[in-house]
Protein backbone atom coordinates (compact mmCIF):
# COMPACT_ATOMS: atom_id res chain seq x y z
CA MET A 1 0.00 0.00 0.00
CA ASN A 2 1.47 3.36 -0.94
CA SER A 3 1.19 6.69 0.87
CA GLN A 4 -1.73 7.88 -1.21
CA ASN A 5 -3.68 4.67 -0.54
CA ILE A 6 -3.06 5.05 3.20
CA LEU A 7 -4.33 8.62 3.15
CA ASN A 8 -7.35 7.68 1.05
CA SER A 9 -8.33 4.59 3.02
CA SER A 10 -11.76 5.33 4.41
CA ASN A 11 -11.38 3.28 7.56
CA TYR A 12 -8.89 1.28 9.60
CA PHE A 13 -10.13 -2.07 8.31
CA GLU A 14 -9.45 -0.92 4.78
CA LEU A 15 -6.07 0.49 5.80
CA PHE A 16 -4.96 -2.89 7.12
CA GLU A 17 -6.82 -4.79 4.37
CA LEU A 18 -8.94 -6.66 6.91
CA THR A 19 -12.57 -7.68 6.68
CA GLU A 20 -14.72 -5.29 8.69
CA GLY A 21 -16.02 -7.08 11.76
CA PHE A 22 -15.68 -7.63 15.47
CA GLU A 23 -13.38 -10.64 15.00
CA ILE A 24 -10.01 -10.10 13.32
CA ASP A 25 -6.84 -12.10 12.87
CA ILE A 26 -4.41 -10.42 15.27
CA ASN A 27 -1.38 -12.04 13.61
CA GLU A 28 -2.46 -10.63 10.25
CA LEU A 29 -3.01 -7.21 11.84
CA ASN A 30 0.46 -7.33 13.42
CA ALA A 31 2.12 -8.30 10.14
CA ARG A 32 0.35 -5.57 8.17
CA PHE A 33 1.15 -3.01 10.85
CA ARG A 34 4.86 -3.84 10.71
CA PHE A 35 4.80 -3.62 6.91
CA LEU A 36 3.01 -0.25 6.93
CA GLN A 37 5.17 1.18 9.71
CA LYS A 38 8.30 0.26 7.80
CA ALA A 39 7.01 2.10 4.75
CA VAL A 40 5.71 5.24 6.46
CA HIS A 41 7.90 5.63 9.53
CA PRO A 42 9.24 9.22 9.69
CA ASP A 43 12.82 7.93 9.96
CA GLN A 44 12.46 6.54 6.44
CA HIS A 45 11.79 10.07 5.21
CA ALA A 46 14.31 12.01 7.29
CA MET A 47 16.13 13.19 4.16
CA GLY A 48 12.93 14.15 2.34
CA THR A 49 11.41 17.59 2.00
CA SER A 50 9.55 19.09 4.93
CA LYS A 51 6.29 18.24 3.13
CA GLU A 52 7.37 14.58 2.78
CA GLN A 53 8.39 14.47 6.44
CA LEU A 54 5.05 15.91 7.53
CA LEU A 55 3.20 13.41 5.35
CA ALA A 56 5.25 10.57 6.85
CA GLN A 57 4.34 11.75 10.37
CA GLN A 58 0.65 11.88 9.45
CA LEU A 59 0.74 8.45 7.84
CA SER A 60 2.61 6.97 10.78
CA ALA A 61 0.12 8.49 13.23
CA LYS A 62 -2.85 7.15 11.23
CA THR A 63 -1.24 3.70 11.10
CA ASN A 64 -0.54 3.72 14.86
CA ASP A 65 -4.06 4.90 15.69
CA GLY A 66 -5.59 2.26 13.46
CA TYR A 67 -3.45 -0.47 14.93
CA GLN A 68 -4.28 0.45 18.54
CA THR A 69 -7.97 0.67 17.70
CA LEU A 70 -8.21 -2.65 15.90
CA LYS A 71 -6.02 -4.69 18.23
CA THR A 72 -8.05 -3.84 21.35
CA PRO A 73 -11.49 -5.51 21.29
CA LEU A 74 -13.39 -2.78 23.15
CA LEU A 75 -11.88 -0.05 20.96
CA ARG A 76 -12.60 -2.14 17.88
CA TYR A 77 -16.27 -2.52 18.93
CA ARG A 78 -16.58 1.20 19.52
CA TYR A 79 -14.95 1.87 16.16
CA LEU A 80 -17.33 -0.50 14.38
CA LEU A 81 -20.26 1.38 15.86
CA SER A 82 -18.72 4.72 14.92
CA LEU A 83 -18.67 3.46 11.31
CA LYS A 84 -22.45 3.03 11.73
CA GLY A 85 -22.78 6.65 12.88
CA LEU A 86 -22.80 6.12 16.65
CA GLU A 87 -20.38 8.23 18.66
CA PHE A 88 -19.52 7.46 22.27
CA LYS A 89 -19.88 9.96 25.04
CA GLU A 90 -19.19 9.40 28.71
CA HIS A 91 -22.54 8.99 30.39
CA THR A 92 -24.35 7.04 33.02
CA HIS A 93 -26.25 3.98 31.87
CA LYS A 94 -30.02 4.25 32.20
CA ASP A 95 -30.61 0.55 32.92
CA ALA A 96 -31.54 0.46 36.62
CA GLY A 97 -30.58 -3.20 36.96
CA PHE A 98 -27.16 -2.52 35.51
CA LEU A 99 -26.71 0.49 37.79
CA MET A 100 -27.43 -1.74 40.77
CA LEU A 101 -24.94 -4.31 39.48
CA GLN A 102 -22.30 -1.59 39.14
CA MET A 103 -22.85 -0.49 42.73
CA GLN A 104 -22.72 -4.08 43.99
CA LEU A 105 -19.51 -4.86 42.11
CA ARG A 106 -17.84 -1.68 43.35
CA GLU A 107 -18.90 -2.51 46.89
CA ASP A 108 -17.64 -6.10 46.57
CA LEU A 109 -14.29 -4.85 45.30
CA SER A 110 -13.97 -2.26 48.06
CA GLU A 111 -14.59 -4.96 50.69
CA ILE A 112 -11.56 -6.96 49.64
CA ASP A 113 -9.04 -6.47 52.44
CA ILE A 114 -5.54 -6.45 50.93
CA HIS A 115 -4.12 -7.39 54.32
CA ALA A 116 -6.27 -10.51 54.76
CA ASN A 117 -4.74 -13.98 54.47
CA ASP A 118 -7.17 -15.00 51.74
CA VAL A 119 -6.81 -11.84 49.62
CA ASP A 120 -5.45 -13.73 46.59
CA ALA A 121 -8.38 -16.14 46.62
CA LYS A 122 -10.87 -13.26 46.91
CA ILE A 123 -9.27 -11.34 44.06
CA ASP A 124 -9.16 -14.49 41.92
CA ALA A 125 -12.85 -15.15 42.60
CA PHE A 126 -13.74 -11.54 41.78
CA ASN A 127 -11.67 -11.69 38.58
CA GLU A 128 -13.36 -14.91 37.53
CA GLN A 129 -16.80 -13.39 38.12
CA LEU A 130 -15.79 -10.26 36.22
CA GLN A 131 -14.36 -12.24 33.30
CA ASN A 132 -17.61 -14.21 33.03
CA MET A 133 -19.55 -10.93 32.90
CA ILE A 134 -17.20 -9.57 30.20
CA THR A 135 -17.63 -12.77 28.17
CA ASN A 136 -21.43 -12.58 28.47
CA GLN A 137 -21.49 -8.88 27.65
CA THR A 138 -19.24 -9.42 24.63
CA GLY A 139 -21.66 -12.08 23.41
CA ALA A 140 -24.57 -9.68 23.89
CA PHE A 141 -22.72 -7.02 21.87
CA LYS A 142 -21.98 -9.45 19.05
CA ASN A 143 -25.58 -10.67 18.93
CA ALA A 144 -26.94 -7.12 18.79
CA TYR A 145 -24.37 -6.10 16.17
CA LEU A 146 -25.12 -9.12 13.97
CA ALA A 147 -28.85 -8.34 14.26
CA GLN A 148 -27.99 -4.81 13.08
CA ASP A 149 -29.37 -3.46 16.35
CA TYR A 150 -26.63 -0.86 16.58
CA ASN A 151 -28.28 1.07 19.41
CA GLY A 152 -28.52 -2.15 21.40
CA ALA A 153 -24.89 -2.94 20.54
CA TYR A 154 -23.99 0.57 21.73
CA ASN A 155 -25.61 -0.12 25.11
CA GLU A 156 -23.69 -3.38 25.41
CA VAL A 157 -20.41 -1.57 24.69
CA VAL A 158 -21.24 1.01 27.38
CA LYS A 159 -21.59 -1.90 29.82
CA LEU A 160 -18.37 -3.48 28.57
CA THR A 161 -16.62 -0.17 29.15
CA PHE A 162 -17.68 -0.27 32.81
CA PHE A 163 -16.38 -3.84 33.16
CA GLU A 164 -13.05 -2.92 31.57
CA LYS A 165 -12.65 0.02 33.95
CA LEU A 166 -13.47 -2.26 36.87
CA LYS A 167 -10.86 -4.72 35.60
CA GLN A 168 -8.29 -1.90 35.74
CA ASP A 169 -9.35 -1.15 39.32
CA VAL A 170 -8.73 -4.80 40.22
CA GLU A 171 -5.28 -4.60 38.62
CA ARG A 172 -4.49 -1.52 40.71
CA LEU A 173 -5.62 -3.38 43.81
CA GLU A 174 -3.34 -6.31 42.88
CA ASP A 175 -0.43 -3.88 42.46
CA GLN A 176 -0.89 -2.87 46.10
CA LEU A 177 -0.20 -6.43 47.28
């Protein structure tokens, strides 16, 4: 793919020559990223004109952004929905049941005593529960997306975003051990 094709690619899937979808071949993505980065990396154009150097920086940035977006499932799901015209904003979910679940999970996490003898077992159990929720939520997203219920898929991604943030909170708690 040449510089002009990279600039003209309408989306990241096209840029990396991947089929648009929520499942991608990560090895293929990695290989295409390395190939593109080699071609557009600013160091390859250090002796070029200032216009060529600027273009190389832009192409490299677009390639990096696309790679980060496609390699991370949650970002990829958000991106897929953005291609359908849905833009994400930080907001509170309106599903009362999910709000209660959020509060319960936060409370359960806050009750884990990092000084207790069984802290590892409690964190492992919480992580297992959280991973099951992420798996179920991912399935709900995929079902809604395949049914072309993009608003429903959006709501599932909002929930997944909460679970991913909670997962980061668990990792921070583990770092304190």
